[in-house]
Amino acid sequence: PGETPSNYMLRGIIEYLVSSNPTAKRLRERFVFIVIPMLNPDGVTAGNTRTTLLGDDLNRHWHEPEQKHRPLDFFKGFLSKLRSQRDIFLAVDLHAHSRRKNIFSYGCTPSKEYVARDRLPVGYERVFPYILSKMCDAFKYEQCTFDLKKGREGTSRSVLFKDFQIRAAYTIEASFLGGNFGKYDGLHYTTADYERFGKQFCDAIWEFSDEEKMKWYLREIRARQTADSDESEESDYSSEGLSEDDAFPASPREVYKEVYPLQII
């Protein structure tokens, strides 16, 4: 099928998580990982790149799946049950991109009301992609966006963010082509490169789960935004006018007393 890079990223994630690596062991002890390898088996069997057997793009129907979108119906039911039992720390949907280069992510922009409700720091949703950019040579933070354009309301990240209140909900895109910066500038990615990103992705989860490191990365992100005179994001992401207490109203440990990240692939 068309989005094979995501399969190799997932392979890297799984192989790392079940390995004897000390960080992998700590991740297994602290978190429960739920891996959904494919939501579109019928379409893939038919050779479709991203549509179902009926020709529907499942990643545009998360907001109102109908009877014919049974994989989404079943999964959202499972997720609702899971959400009622425990908090979800992280949700990620792995994809591949046929036009843009590098590896990057799409996130969601919370309103001030959303931030006040979940009690996590302003800009919290930007930290995990930023950490990925520090740990993975192929990941470009400057290419990440945190808004929902028209027609993207039915994507997984939008529904996970809005309906299931998962602040750290992302789509990660890996280019079919390769990179245009750093060590990968002008080079195609290999399957080993995608698998390597899967391992680095897991290391980033561990880094993200460290409360003090998360705050440090967030301060660095805000400093970069302040220094960037061309910053065009909404002011909700600026620390300007915020006291330290406003900027960090509650720690992730306080919000997620029992932390179980949900890995959606």
C-alpha atoms as a PDB file:
ATOM      1  CA  PRO A   1       0.000   0.000   0.000  1.00  0.00           C
ATOM      2  CA  GLY A   2       0.961   3.624  -0.382  1.00  0.00           C
ATOM      3  CA  GLU A   3       1.965   4.611   3.144  1.00  0.00           C
ATOM      4  CA  THR A   4       4.689   2.052   3.724  1.00  0.00           C
ATOM      5  CA  PRO A   5       7.023   4.466   5.616  1.00  0.00           C
ATOM      6  CA  SER A   6       4.624   4.369   8.573  1.00  0.00           C
ATOM      7  CA  ASN A   7       4.866   0.572   8.648  1.00  0.00           C
ATOM      8  CA  TYR A   8       8.623   0.769   8.996  1.00  0.00           C
ATOM      9  CA  MET A   9       8.351   3.444  11.697  1.00  0.00           C
ATOM     10  CA  LEU A  10       5.982   1.186  13.590  1.00  0.00           C
ATOM     11  CA  ARG A  11       8.357  -1.725  13.213  1.00  0.00           C
ATOM     12  CA  GLY A  12      11.107   0.386  14.770  1.00  0.00           C
ATOM     13  CA  ILE A  13       8.806   1.361  17.642  1.00  0.00           C
ATOM     14  CA  ILE A  14       7.752  -2.202  18.433  1.00  0.00           C
ATOM     15  CA  GLU A  15      11.252  -3.674  18.148  1.00  0.00           C
ATOM     16  CA  TYR A  16      12.576  -1.019  20.488  1.00  0.00           C
ATOM     17  CA  LEU A  17       9.788  -1.402  23.043  1.00  0.00           C
ATOM     18  CA  VAL A  18      10.298  -5.164  23.357  1.00  0.00           C
ATOM     19  CA  SER A  19      14.095  -4.897  23.459  1.00  0.00           C
ATOM     20  CA  SER A  20      16.421  -5.090  26.466  1.00  0.00           C
ATOM     21  CA  ASN A  21      17.355  -1.416  26.138  1.00  0.00           C
ATOM     22  CA  PRO A  22      17.222   0.224  29.611  1.00  0.00           C
ATOM     23  CA  THR A  23      14.956   3.062  28.415  1.00  0.00           C
ATOM     24  CA  ALA A  24      12.627   0.587  26.718  1.00  0.00           C
ATOM     25  CA  LYS A  25      12.395  -1.332  29.977  1.00  0.00           C
ATOM     26  CA  ARG A  26      11.544   1.852  31.899  1.00  0.00           C
ATOM     27  CA  LEU A  27       8.884   2.706  29.331  1.00  0.00           C
ATOM     28  CA  ARG A  28       7.263  -0.711  29.715  1.00  0.00           C
ATOM     29  CA  GLU A  29       7.278  -0.359  33.487  1.00  0.00           C
ATOM     30  CA  ARG A  30       5.713   3.092  33.462  1.00  0.00           C
ATOM     31  CA  PHE A  31       3.296   3.014  30.539  1.00  0.00           C
ATOM     32  CA  VAL A  32       0.768   0.822  28.792  1.00  0.00           C
ATOM     33  CA  PHE A  33       1.178   1.000  25.013  1.00  0.00           C
ATOM     34  CA  ILE A  34      -1.782   0.163  22.804  1.00  0.00           C
ATOM     35  CA  VAL A  35      -0.789  -0.373  19.177  1.00  0.00           C
ATOM     36  CA  ILE A  36      -3.321  -0.425  16.363  1.00  0.00           C
ATOM     37  CA  PRO A  37      -1.294  -1.542  13.323  1.00  0.00           C
ATOM     38  CA  MET A  38      -3.965  -0.826  10.707  1.00  0.00           C
ATOM     39  CA  LEU A  39      -7.523   0.562  10.624  1.00  0.00           C
ATOM     40  CA  ASN A  40      -8.020  -0.089   6.917  1.00  0.00           C
ATOM     41  CA  PRO A  41      -7.269  -3.768   6.246  1.00  0.00           C
ATOM     42  CA  ASP A  42      -9.908  -4.160   3.520  1.00  0.00           C
ATOM     43  CA  GLY A  43      -8.644  -1.185   1.537  1.00  0.00           C
ATOM     44  CA  VAL A  44      -5.015  -2.250   1.844  1.00  0.00           C
ATOM     45  CA  THR A  45      -5.892  -5.781   0.720  1.00  0.00           C
ATOM     46  CA  ALA A  46      -7.473  -4.234  -2.367  1.00  0.00           C
ATOM     47  CA  GLY A  47      -4.276  -2.280  -3.045  1.00  0.00           C
ATOM     48  CA  ASN A  48      -5.663   1.161  -2.170  1.00  0.00           C
ATOM     49  CA  THR A  49      -3.147   3.689  -0.924  1.00  0.00           C
ATOM     50  CA  ARG A  50      -5.371   5.236   1.742  1.00  0.00           C
ATOM     51  CA  THR A  51      -9.043   4.584   0.975  1.00  0.00           C
ATOM     52  CA  THR A  52     -11.318   1.765   2.080  1.00  0.00           C
ATOM     53  CA  LEU A  53     -12.809  -0.895  -0.146  1.00  0.00           C
ATOM     54  CA  LEU A  54     -15.682   1.562  -0.714  1.00  0.00           C
ATOM     55  CA  GLY A  55     -13.356   4.379  -1.701  1.00  0.00           C
ATOM     56  CA  ASP A  56     -13.630   6.438   1.504  1.00  0.00           C
ATOM     57  CA  ASP A  57     -10.663   8.086   3.175  1.00  0.00           C
ATOM     58  CA  LEU A  58     -11.028   6.988   6.793  1.00  0.00           C
ATOM     59  CA  ASN A  59      -8.845   9.838   8.012  1.00  0.00           C
ATOM     60  CA  ARG A  60     -11.540  12.308   6.972  1.00  0.00           C
ATOM     61  CA  HIS A  61     -14.439  10.571   8.748  1.00  0.00           C
ATOM     62  CA  TRP A  62     -13.365  10.342  12.384  1.00  0.00           C
ATOM     63  CA  HIS A  63     -15.820  13.050  13.446  1.00  0.00           C
ATOM     64  CA  GLU A  64     -18.934  11.246  12.247  1.00  0.00           C
ATOM     65  CA  PRO A  65     -18.253   7.702  11.141  1.00  0.00           C
ATOM     66  CA  GLU A  66     -21.272   6.058   9.570  1.00  0.00           C
ATOM     67  CA  GLN A  67     -22.227   2.417   9.459  1.00  0.00           C
ATOM     68  CA  LYS A  68     -19.934   1.836   6.472  1.00  0.00           C
ATOM     69  CA  HIS A  69     -16.962   3.104   8.456  1.00  0.00           C
ATOM     70  CA  ARG A  70     -17.029   0.204  10.864  1.00  0.00           C
ATOM     71  CA  PRO A  71     -13.300   0.228  11.779  1.00  0.00           C
ATOM     72  CA  LEU A  72     -13.715   3.750  13.184  1.00  0.00           C
ATOM     73  CA  ASP A  73     -16.952   2.848  14.964  1.00  0.00           C
ATOM     74  CA  PHE A  74     -15.309  -0.085  16.719  1.00  0.00           C
ATOM     75  CA  PHE A  75     -12.174   1.829  17.591  1.00  0.00           C
ATOM     76  CA  LYS A  76     -13.969   4.896  18.942  1.00  0.00           C
ATOM     77  CA  GLY A  77     -16.118   2.629  21.103  1.00  0.00           C
ATOM     78  CA  PHE A  78     -12.993   0.950  22.445  1.00  0.00           C
ATOM     79  CA  LEU A  79     -11.372   4.328  23.054  1.00  0.00           C
ATOM     80  CA  SER A  80     -14.416   5.668  24.904  1.00  0.00           C
ATOM     81  CA  LYS A  81     -14.341   2.684  27.238  1.00  0.00           C
ATOM     82  CA  LEU A  82     -10.605   3.061  27.777  1.00  0.00           C
ATOM     83  CA  ARG A  83     -10.948   6.800  28.414  1.00  0.00           C
ATOM     84  CA  SER A  84     -13.502   6.139  31.148  1.00  0.00           C
ATOM     85  CA  GLN A  85     -11.018   3.904  32.965  1.00  0.00           C
ATOM     86  CA  ARG A  86      -7.746   5.814  32.718  1.00  0.00           C
ATOM     87  CA  ASP A  87      -6.076   8.943  31.423  1.00  0.00           C
ATOM     88  CA  ILE A  88      -4.384   8.944  28.041  1.00  0.00           C
ATOM     89  CA  PHE A  89      -1.000  10.628  27.956  1.00  0.00           C
ATOM     90  CA  LEU A  90      -0.193  10.569  24.239  1.00  0.00           C
ATOM     91  CA  ALA A  91      -1.919   9.631  20.973  1.00  0.00           C
ATOM     92  CA  VAL A  92      -0.100   9.454  17.644  1.00  0.00           C
ATOM     93  CA  ASP A  93      -1.291   8.531  14.155  1.00  0.00           C
ATOM     94  CA  LEU A  94       1.571   7.558  11.829  1.00  0.00           C
ATOM     95  CA  HIS A  95       1.332   8.486   8.153  1.00  0.00           C
ATOM     96  CA  ALA A  96       3.509   9.147   5.110  1.00  0.00           C
ATOM     97  CA  HIS A  97       3.575  12.232   2.893  1.00  0.00           C
ATOM     98  CA  SER A  98       3.944  12.065  -0.889  1.00  0.00           C
ATOM     99  CA  ARG A  99       4.867  15.726  -1.532  1.00  0.00           C
ATOM    100  CA  ARG A 100       6.596  17.315   1.454  1.00  0.00           C
ATOM    101  CA  LYS A 101      10.073  16.318   2.590  1.00  0.00           C
ATOM    102  CA  ASN A 102      11.399  15.463   6.067  1.00  0.00           C
ATOM    103  CA  ILE A 103       9.516  14.010   9.032  1.00  0.00           C
ATOM    104  CA  PHE A 104       7.142  16.392  10.807  1.00  0.00           C
ATOM    105  CA  SER A 105       3.882  16.486  12.722  1.00  0.00           C
ATOM    106  CA  TYR A 106       0.458  18.074  12.805  1.00  0.00           C
ATOM    107  CA  GLY A 107      -1.072  19.007  16.147  1.00  0.00           C
ATOM    108  CA  CYS A 108      -4.066  20.990  17.412  1.00  0.00           C
ATOM    109  CA  THR A 109      -4.529  24.453  18.837  1.00  0.00           C
ATOM    110  CA  PRO A 110      -6.315  24.554  22.221  1.00  0.00           C
ATOM    111  CA  SER A 111      -8.524  27.465  23.175  1.00  0.00           C
ATOM    112  CA  LYS A 112      -7.943  29.300  26.451  1.00  0.00           C
ATOM    113  CA  GLU A 113     -10.979  27.473  27.840  1.00  0.00           C
ATOM    114  CA  TYR A 114      -9.475  24.130  26.832  1.00  0.00           C
ATOM    115  CA  VAL A 115      -6.171  24.996  28.535  1.00  0.00           C
ATOM    116  CA  ALA A 116      -7.973  26.067  31.699  1.00  0.00           C
ATOM    117  CA  ARG A 117      -9.973  22.848  31.723  1.00  0.00           C
ATOM    118  CA  ASP A 118      -7.132  20.373  31.318  1.00  0.00           C
ATOM    119  CA  ARG A 119      -4.759  22.397  33.574  1.00  0.00           C
ATOM    120  CA  LEU A 120      -1.671  21.613  31.499  1.00  0.00           C
ATOM    121  CA  PRO A 121       0.766  24.414  30.616  1.00  0.00           C
ATOM    122  CA  VAL A 122       0.154  26.831  27.782  1.00  0.00           C
ATOM    123  CA  GLY A 123       2.001  25.443  24.769  1.00  0.00           C
ATOM    124  CA  TYR A 124       2.219  21.922  26.217  1.00  0.00           C
ATOM    125  CA  GLU A 125       1.151  20.379  22.906  1.00  0.00           C
ATOM    126  CA  ARG A 126       4.250  21.781  21.191  1.00  0.00           C
ATOM    127  CA  VAL A 127       6.746  20.080  23.471  1.00  0.00           C
ATOM    128  CA  PHE A 128       6.660  16.514  22.135  1.00  0.00           C
ATOM    129  CA  PRO A 129       7.332  17.523  18.493  1.00  0.00           C
ATOM    130  CA  TYR A 130      10.087  19.829  19.737  1.00  0.00           C
ATOM    131  CA  ILE A 131      11.703  16.958  21.634  1.00  0.00           C
ATOM    132  CA  LEU A 132      11.474  14.801  18.512  1.00  0.00           C
ATOM    133  CA  SER A 133      13.373  17.477  16.595  1.00  0.00           C
ATOM    134  CA  LYS A 134      16.141  17.300  19.197  1.00  0.00           C
ATOM    135  CA  MET A 135      16.386  13.520  19.147  1.00  0.00           C
ATOM    136  CA  CYS A 136      15.847  12.778  15.453  1.00  0.00           C
ATOM    137  CA  ASP A 137      18.010  14.242  12.668  1.00  0.00           C
ATOM    138  CA  ALA A 138      15.177  13.804  10.157  1.00  0.00           C
ATOM    139  CA  PHE A 139      12.436  15.544  12.161  1.00  0.00           C
ATOM    140  CA  LYS A 140      11.917  19.240  11.397  1.00  0.00           C
ATOM    141  CA  TYR A 141      10.068  21.191  14.097  1.00  0.00           C
ATOM    142  CA  GLU A 142       9.798  24.303  11.919  1.00  0.00           C
ATOM    143  CA  GLN A 143       7.647  22.278   9.525  1.00  0.00           C
ATOM    144  CA  CYS A 144       5.128  21.314  12.215  1.00  0.00           C
ATOM    145  CA  THR A 145       1.747  23.035  12.401  1.00  0.00           C
ATOM    146  CA  PHE A 146      -0.753  23.246  15.241  1.00  0.00           C
ATOM    147  CA  ASP A 147      -3.925  24.376  13.534  1.00  0.00           C
ATOM    148  CA  LEU A 148      -6.807  22.602  11.835  1.00  0.00           C
ATOM    149  CA  LYS A 149      -7.396  23.760   8.294  1.00  0.00           C
ATOM    150  CA  LYS A 150     -10.768  23.528   6.624  1.00  0.00           C
ATOM    151  CA  GLY A 151     -11.586  19.951   5.737  1.00  0.00           C
ATOM    152  CA  ARG A 152      -9.395  18.474   8.481  1.00  0.00           C
ATOM    153  CA  GLU A 153     -12.089  18.285  11.170  1.00  0.00           C
ATOM    154  CA  GLY A 154     -12.506  14.584  10.485  1.00  0.00           C
ATOM    155  CA  THR A 155      -8.862  13.640  11.006  1.00  0.00           C
ATOM    156  CA  SER A 156      -7.845  11.401  13.872  1.00  0.00           C
ATOM    157  CA  ARG A 157      -5.850  14.086  15.690  1.00  0.00           C
ATOM    158  CA  SER A 158      -8.815  16.488  15.610  1.00  0.00           C
ATOM    159  CA  VAL A 159     -11.266  13.986  17.097  1.00  0.00           C
ATOM    160  CA  LEU A 160      -8.777  12.650  19.656  1.00  0.00           C
ATOM    161  CA  PHE A 161      -8.026  16.212  20.719  1.00  0.00           C
ATOM    162  CA  LYS A 162     -11.587  17.567  20.799  1.00  0.00           C
ATOM    163  CA  ASP A 163     -13.825  14.622  21.613  1.00  0.00           C
ATOM    164  CA  PHE A 164     -11.452  12.621  23.806  1.00  0.00           C
ATOM    165  CA  GLN A 165      -9.612  15.568  25.368  1.00  0.00           C
ATOM    166  CA  ILE A 166      -6.131  14.278  24.533  1.00  0.00           C
ATOM    167  CA  ARG A 167      -3.946  17.372  24.442  1.00  0.00           C
ATOM    168  CA  ALA A 168      -0.907  15.544  23.041  1.00  0.00           C
ATOM    169  CA  ALA A 169      -2.618  14.157  19.924  1.00  0.00           C
ATOM    170  CA  TYR A 170      -0.626  14.209  16.701  1.00  0.00           C
ATOM    171  CA  THR A 171      -0.334  13.041  13.142  1.00  0.00           C
ATOM    172  CA  ILE A 172       3.285  12.263  12.283  1.00  0.00           C
ATOM    173  CA  GLU A 173       4.157  12.401   8.588  1.00  0.00           C
ATOM    174  CA  ALA A 174       7.269  10.787   7.120  1.00  0.00           C
ATOM    175  CA  SER A 175       8.196  11.776   3.599  1.00  0.00           C
ATOM    176  CA  PHE A 176       8.314   9.195   0.840  1.00  0.00           C
ATOM    177  CA  LEU A 177      11.098  11.297  -0.649  1.00  0.00           C
ATOM    178  CA  GLY A 178      13.679  12.150   1.970  1.00  0.00           C
ATOM    179  CA  GLY A 179      15.047  15.279   3.581  1.00  0.00           C
ATOM    180  CA  ASN A 180      16.051  18.808   2.644  1.00  0.00           C
ATOM    181  CA  PHE A 181      18.118  19.754   5.676  1.00  0.00           C
ATOM    182  CA  GLY A 182      20.980  18.473   7.804  1.00  0.00           C
ATOM    183  CA  LYS A 183      22.491  15.054   7.192  1.00  0.00           C
ATOM    184  CA  TYR A 184      19.555  14.000   4.999  1.00  0.00           C
ATOM    185  CA  ASP A 185      19.647  17.027   2.705  1.00  0.00           C
ATOM    186  CA  GLY A 186      19.163  15.746  -0.846  1.00  0.00           C
ATOM    187  CA  LEU A 187      18.985  12.092   0.238  1.00  0.00           C
ATOM    188  CA  HIS A 188      16.208   9.531   0.117  1.00  0.00           C
ATOM    189  CA  TYR A 189      15.197   7.842   3.366  1.00  0.00           C
ATOM    190  CA  THR A 190      15.876   4.128   3.622  1.00  0.00           C
ATOM    191  CA  THR A 191      13.775   1.600   5.498  1.00  0.00           C
ATOM    192  CA  ALA A 192      16.479   1.635   8.173  1.00  0.00           C
ATOM    193  CA  ASP A 193      16.010   5.404   8.542  1.00  0.00           C
ATOM    194  CA  TYR A 194      12.272   4.979   9.184  1.00  0.00           C
ATOM    195  CA  GLU A 195      12.926   2.229  11.715  1.00  0.00           C
ATOM    196  CA  ARG A 196      15.570   4.383  13.408  1.00  0.00           C
ATOM    197  CA  PHE A 197      12.989   7.139  13.806  1.00  0.00           C
ATOM    198  CA  GLY A 198      10.683   4.639  15.515  1.00  0.00           C
ATOM    199  CA  LYS A 199      13.350   4.007  18.133  1.00  0.00           C
ATOM    200  CA  GLN A 200      14.016   7.728  18.572  1.00  0.00           C
ATOM    201  CA  PHE A 201      10.280   8.286  18.907  1.00  0.00           C
ATOM    202  CA  CYS A 202      10.261   6.006  21.956  1.00  0.00           C
ATOM    203  CA  ASP A 203      13.192   7.838  23.530  1.00  0.00           C
ATOM    204  CA  ALA A 204      11.277  11.092  23.008  1.00  0.00           C
ATOM    205  CA  ILE A 205       8.299   9.697  24.921  1.00  0.00           C
ATOM    206  CA  TRP A 206      10.528   9.038  27.913  1.00  0.00           C
ATOM    207  CA  GLU A 207      11.970  12.545  27.700  1.00  0.00           C
ATOM    208  CA  PHE A 208       8.470  14.044  27.382  1.00  0.00           C
ATOM    209  CA  SER A 209       7.258  12.197  30.466  1.00  0.00           C
ATOM    210  CA  ASP A 210       9.907  13.870  32.638  1.00  0.00           C
ATOM    211  CA  GLU A 211       8.106  16.871  34.146  1.00  0.00           C
ATOM    212  CA  GLU A 212      11.174  19.026  34.722  1.00  0.00           C
ATOM    213  CA  LYS A 213      12.559  18.369  31.254  1.00  0.00           C
ATOM    214  CA  MET A 214       9.167  19.102  29.731  1.00  0.00           C
ATOM    215  CA  LYS A 215       9.142  22.527  31.427  1.00  0.00           C
ATOM    216  CA  TRP A 216      12.680  23.229  30.277  1.00  0.00           C
ATOM    217  CA  TYR A 217      11.806  22.431  26.663  1.00  0.00           C
ATOM    218  CA  LEU A 218       8.692  24.591  26.916  1.00  0.00           C
ATOM    219  CA  ARG A 219      10.718  27.568  28.115  1.00  0.00           C
ATOM    220  CA  GLU A 220      13.100  27.048  25.187  1.00  0.00           C
ATOM    221  CA  ILE A 221      10.182  26.991  22.740  1.00  0.00           C
ATOM    222  CA  ARG A 222       8.832  30.247  24.176  1.00  0.00           C
ATOM    223  CA  ALA A 223      12.245  31.865  23.998  1.00  0.00           C
ATOM    224  CA  ARG A 224      12.490  30.913  20.328  1.00  0.00           C
ATOM    225  CA  GLN A 225       9.055  32.368  19.628  1.00  0.00           C
ATOM    226  CA  THR A 226       9.926  35.604  21.375  1.00  0.00           C
ATOM    227  CA  ALA A 227      13.124  35.893  19.344  1.00  0.00           C
ATOM    228  CA  ASP A 228      11.357  35.198  16.058  1.00  0.00           C
ATOM    229  CA  SER A 229      10.045  38.497  14.731  1.00  0.00           C
ATOM    230  CA  ASP A 230       8.108  36.657  12.034  1.00  0.00           C
ATOM    231  CA  GLU A 231       6.192  34.469  14.493  1.00  0.00           C
ATOM    232  CA  SER A 232       2.662  34.137  13.167  1.00  0.00           C
ATOM    233  CA  GLU A 233       1.043  31.771  15.667  1.00  0.00           C
ATOM    234  CA  GLU A 234      -1.821  32.765  17.942  1.00  0.00           C
ATOM    235  CA  SER A 235      -0.998  34.657  21.113  1.00  0.00           C
ATOM    236  CA  ASP A 236      -2.349  31.790  23.230  1.00  0.00           C
ATOM    237  CA  TYR A 237       1.063  30.175  22.757  1.00  0.00           C
ATOM    238  CA  SER A 238       3.054  33.118  24.046  1.00  0.00           C
ATOM    239  CA  SER A 239       4.212  33.302  27.645  1.00  0.00           C
ATOM    240  CA  GLU A 240       3.949  37.091  27.498  1.00  0.00           C
ATOM    241  CA  GLY A 241       1.906  38.407  30.413  1.00  0.00           C
ATOM    242  CA  LEU A 242       1.869  35.040  32.167  1.00  0.00           C
ATOM    243  CA  SER A 243       3.235  34.521  35.623  1.00  0.00           C
ATOM    244  CA  GLU A 244       5.108  31.313  36.354  1.00  0.00           C
ATOM    245  CA  ASP A 245       1.983  29.941  38.017  1.00  0.00           C
ATOM    246  CA  ASP A 246      -0.125  30.829  34.974  1.00  0.00           C
ATOM    247  CA  ALA A 247       2.362  29.250  32.626  1.00  0.00           C
ATOM    248  CA  PHE A 248       2.476  26.005  34.608  1.00  0.00           C
ATOM    249  CA  PRO A 249      -0.918  25.710  36.357  1.00  0.00           C
ATOM    250  CA  ALA A 250      -0.508  22.015  37.113  1.00  0.00           C
ATOM    251  CA  SER A 251       2.143  19.395  36.577  1.00  0.00           C
ATOM    252  CA  PRO A 252       1.487  16.487  34.207  1.00  0.00           C
ATOM    253  CA  ARG A 253       1.935  14.143  37.150  1.00  0.00           C
ATOM    254  CA  GLU A 254      -0.817  15.997  38.985  1.00  0.00           C
ATOM    255  CA  VAL A 255      -3.133  15.886  35.988  1.00  0.00           C
ATOM    256  CA  TYR A 256      -2.309  12.279  35.080  1.00  0.00           C
ATOM    257  CA  LYS A 257      -2.149  10.535  38.432  1.00  0.00           C
ATOM    258  CA  GLU A 258      -2.021   7.233  36.569  1.00  0.00           C
ATOM    259  CA  VAL A 259      -0.347   7.838  33.241  1.00  0.00           C
ATOM    260  CA  TYR A 260      -1.100   5.476  30.388  1.00  0.00           C
ATOM    261  CA  PRO A 261      -0.125   6.741  26.936  1.00  0.00           C
ATOM    262  CA  LEU A 262      -2.185   5.454  24.061  1.00  0.00           C
ATOM    263  CA  GLN A 263      -0.145   4.804  20.954  1.00  0.00           C
ATOM    264  CA  ILE A 264      -2.410   4.945  17.912  1.00  0.00           C
ATOM    265  CA  ILE A 265      -0.740   3.746  14.733  1.00  0.00           C
END
